[in-house]
Amino acid sequence: MSKTEKPKEVKIGFLTAVEITDLGFVGGLLVTNQMGRPLEFQCTAPVKPNRSQVILFGPTLAAYVSGDLIGRTLLDRVGITPDLVLTEQVEILQIRPHLKIPVACLSSVDRDESGEAHSLTIRLGRNVVRLQDGHQADLEPLREAAQLIPDEADLREPFQRVCDALKETLRAA
């Protein structure tokens, strides 16, 4: 490697939203490098749906709040744009059509019901991630990212940091 050539880096966004009793939903986005070092953290103020929204959105309320309201807001205002976004909540995958970067959900399985390898899963570090249906083109950027992420990387751990940071932020407020 020449002196002017920088080592490759992948920026990973860890996006989650949690519901807090009496406050509503609050979301956080932690952007790290492939080694898990934080580059930026953003969080939202609590979003509390009113009674009409609860009724009208019904079972889709959590997906609307965590994906459309919280996820898109955080990704719109982040200063360091991640190369890929990971979430633990399948509802957040719905923001993918609104973004130019891959969004994947941590999964516990990489096989379908018949035992066949699922076509929209890939291993990143010690974890399996799944893409939203219809976004097969995201597999290639994920394969490139997988080469830069250490095999022993636990991609669930940063979500705990996000949740802890959200709790601390709310406590301080």
Protein backbone atom coordinates (compact mmCIF):
# COMPACT_ATOMS: atom_id res chain seq x y z
CA MET A 1 0.00 0.00 0.00
CA SER A 2 1.38 3.40 -0.93
CA LYS A 3 1.66 6.22 1.62
CA THR A 4 -1.21 8.13 0.00
CA GLU A 5 -3.54 5.13 -0.19
CA LYS A 6 -5.96 4.93 2.73
CA PRO A 7 -7.09 1.56 4.05
CA LYS A 8 -10.67 0.74 3.12
CA GLU A 9 -13.29 1.54 5.71
CA VAL A 10 -16.97 0.80 5.89
CA LYS A 11 -19.28 3.00 7.93
CA ILE A 12 -22.14 1.08 9.53
CA GLY A 13 -25.28 2.73 10.87
CA PHE A 14 -27.00 0.94 13.74
CA LEU A 15 -30.60 2.16 13.77
CA THR A 16 -33.19 1.30 16.39
CA ALA A 17 -36.33 2.67 17.97
CA VAL A 18 -37.76 1.74 21.35
CA GLU A 19 -41.10 2.43 22.97
CA ILE A 20 -40.87 3.95 26.42
CA THR A 21 -43.94 3.85 28.64
CA ASP A 22 -45.63 7.26 28.98
CA LEU A 23 -43.13 8.92 26.62
CA GLY A 24 -43.69 7.22 23.29
CA PHE A 25 -41.08 6.06 20.80
CA VAL A 26 -37.50 7.28 20.77
CA GLY A 27 -34.88 6.38 18.19
CA GLY A 28 -31.14 6.30 17.91
CA LEU A 29 -28.57 5.96 15.14
CA LEU A 30 -24.97 5.08 15.91
CA VAL A 31 -22.55 5.26 12.99
CA THR A 32 -19.33 3.28 13.51
CA ASN A 33 -16.42 2.07 11.45
CA GLN A 34 -16.10 -1.67 10.77
CA MET A 35 -14.21 -2.11 14.05
CA GLY A 36 -17.13 -0.70 16.06
CA ARG A 37 -15.52 2.66 16.86
CA PRO A 38 -18.20 5.38 17.08
CA LEU A 39 -18.10 8.09 14.44
CA GLU A 40 -21.45 9.80 15.18
CA PHE A 41 -24.56 9.37 17.32
CA GLN A 42 -27.97 10.92 16.74
CA CYS A 43 -31.21 10.46 18.66
CA THR A 44 -34.75 11.76 18.46
CA ALA A 45 -36.99 13.36 21.00
CA PRO A 46 -39.82 11.05 22.06
CA VAL A 47 -42.58 10.66 19.48
CA LYS A 48 -45.93 9.92 21.09
CA PRO A 49 -48.72 8.97 18.67
CA ASN A 50 -52.09 10.47 19.53
CA ARG A 51 -55.18 8.33 20.01
CA SER A 52 -56.39 8.90 16.43
CA GLN A 53 -53.07 7.71 15.00
CA VAL A 54 -53.16 4.63 17.22
CA ILE A 55 -56.63 3.80 15.90
CA LEU A 56 -55.98 4.63 12.26
CA PHE A 57 -52.56 2.95 11.93
CA GLY A 58 -53.58 -0.08 13.98
CA PRO A 59 -51.01 -2.87 13.73
CA THR A 60 -48.83 -0.80 11.36
CA LEU A 61 -48.26 1.99 13.92
CA ALA A 62 -44.88 0.75 15.19
CA ALA A 63 -43.56 0.38 11.63
CA TYR A 64 -44.75 3.87 10.71
CA VAL A 65 -43.27 5.53 13.78
CA SER A 66 -39.97 3.63 13.92
CA GLY A 67 -39.37 3.55 10.17
CA ASP A 68 -40.98 6.55 8.54
CA LEU A 69 -40.83 9.07 11.36
CA ILE A 70 -37.78 8.11 13.40
CA GLY A 71 -35.55 6.22 10.95
CA ARG A 72 -35.89 8.63 8.05
CA THR A 73 -35.45 11.65 10.34
CA LEU A 74 -32.23 10.28 11.81
CA LEU A 75 -30.78 9.32 8.43
CA ASP A 76 -31.71 12.70 6.94
CA ARG A 77 -29.84 14.63 9.61
CA VAL A 78 -26.79 12.43 10.17
CA GLY A 79 -23.52 14.14 9.26
CA ILE A 80 -21.52 10.99 8.49
CA THR A 81 -23.56 8.99 6.01
CA PRO A 82 -23.24 5.25 6.65
CA ASP A 83 -22.40 2.87 3.80
CA LEU A 84 -25.05 0.50 5.14
CA VAL A 85 -27.70 0.57 7.84
CA LEU A 86 -28.38 -2.33 10.18
CA THR A 87 -31.40 -2.73 12.40
CA GLU A 88 -32.82 -5.36 14.70
CA GLN A 89 -36.38 -4.41 13.81
CA VAL A 90 -37.85 -5.78 10.61
CA GLU A 91 -40.32 -2.87 10.54
CA ILE A 92 -37.46 -0.45 9.89
CA LEU A 93 -36.62 -2.24 6.62
CA GLN A 94 -39.52 -0.35 5.05
CA ILE A 95 -37.35 2.79 4.81
CA ARG A 96 -35.11 1.12 2.20
CA PRO A 97 -37.03 2.42 -0.86
CA HIS A 98 -36.43 5.97 0.41
CA LEU A 99 -32.64 5.59 0.74
CA LYS A 100 -29.69 5.15 -1.61
CA ILE A 101 -27.86 2.84 0.82
CA PRO A 102 -28.56 -0.78 1.78
CA VAL A 103 -30.66 -1.48 4.87
CA ALA A 104 -30.51 -4.93 6.45
CA CYS A 105 -32.02 -6.52 9.52
CA LEU A 106 -30.11 -8.84 11.82
CA SER A 107 -31.61 -12.28 11.51
CA SER A 108 -31.29 -15.46 13.48
CA VAL A 109 -31.74 -17.66 10.39
CA ASP A 110 -30.24 -17.81 6.93
CA ARG A 111 -32.45 -20.63 5.66
CA ASP A 112 -36.10 -20.73 4.66
CA GLU A 113 -38.66 -23.21 5.98
CA SER A 114 -37.48 -25.92 3.55
CA GLY A 115 -33.86 -25.63 4.70
CA GLU A 116 -32.69 -23.87 1.54
CA ALA A 117 -30.30 -20.95 1.92
CA HIS A 118 -32.34 -17.75 1.85
CA SER A 119 -31.35 -15.66 -1.16
CA LEU A 120 -31.53 -12.33 0.67
CA THR A 121 -29.24 -13.16 3.60
CA ILE A 122 -25.53 -12.69 4.05
CA ARG A 123 -23.11 -13.20 6.92
CA LEU A 124 -21.51 -10.06 8.40
CA GLY A 125 -19.06 -10.82 11.18
CA ARG A 126 -20.69 -13.38 13.49
CA ASN A 127 -24.17 -12.40 12.39
CA VAL A 128 -26.59 -13.06 9.55
CA VAL A 129 -28.43 -10.11 8.04
CA ARG A 130 -31.48 -10.12 5.81
CA LEU A 131 -32.46 -7.63 3.14
CA GLN A 132 -35.95 -6.43 2.36
CA ASP A 133 -37.65 -8.32 -0.45
CA GLY A 134 -37.05 -6.68 -3.82
CA HIS A 135 -33.60 -5.33 -2.96
CA GLN A 136 -31.34 -8.10 -4.27
CA ALA A 137 -28.99 -5.46 -5.70
CA ASP A 138 -27.98 -4.62 -2.11
CA LEU A 139 -26.24 -7.99 -1.79
CA GLU A 140 -23.15 -6.80 -3.69
CA PRO A 141 -22.40 -3.79 -1.43
CA LEU A 142 -23.00 -6.05 1.58
CA ARG A 143 -20.54 -8.61 0.22
CA GLU A 144 -17.95 -5.84 -0.14
CA ALA A 145 -18.64 -4.67 3.42
CA ALA A 146 -18.41 -8.26 4.70
CA GLN A 147 -14.78 -8.41 3.51
CA LEU A 148 -13.91 -5.44 5.75
CA ILE A 149 -15.82 -6.52 8.85
CA PRO A 150 -13.85 -8.84 11.15
CA ASP A 151 -15.21 -12.40 11.32
CA GLU A 152 -15.50 -12.15 15.11
CA ALA A 153 -17.51 -8.89 15.04
CA ASP A 154 -20.75 -9.08 17.03
CA LEU A 155 -23.11 -6.70 15.26
CA ARG A 156 -25.75 -7.04 17.99
CA GLU A 157 -23.53 -5.34 20.58
CA PRO A 158 -23.73 -1.79 19.12
CA PHE A 159 -27.52 -1.89 19.51
CA GLN A 160 -27.04 -2.24 23.25
CA ARG A 161 -24.84 0.86 23.16
CA VAL A 162 -27.56 2.75 21.29
CA CYS A 163 -30.20 1.72 23.84
CA ASP A 164 -27.92 2.65 26.76
CA ALA A 165 -27.17 6.04 25.17
CA LEU A 166 -30.89 6.66 24.63
CA LYS A 167 -31.63 5.88 28.28
CA GLU A 168 -28.82 8.17 29.41
CA THR A 169 -30.02 10.97 27.13
CA LEU A 170 -33.59 10.66 28.44
CA ARG A 171 -32.37 10.55 32.04
CA ALA A 172 -30.29 13.71 31.51
CA ALA A 173 -33.24 15.48 29.90
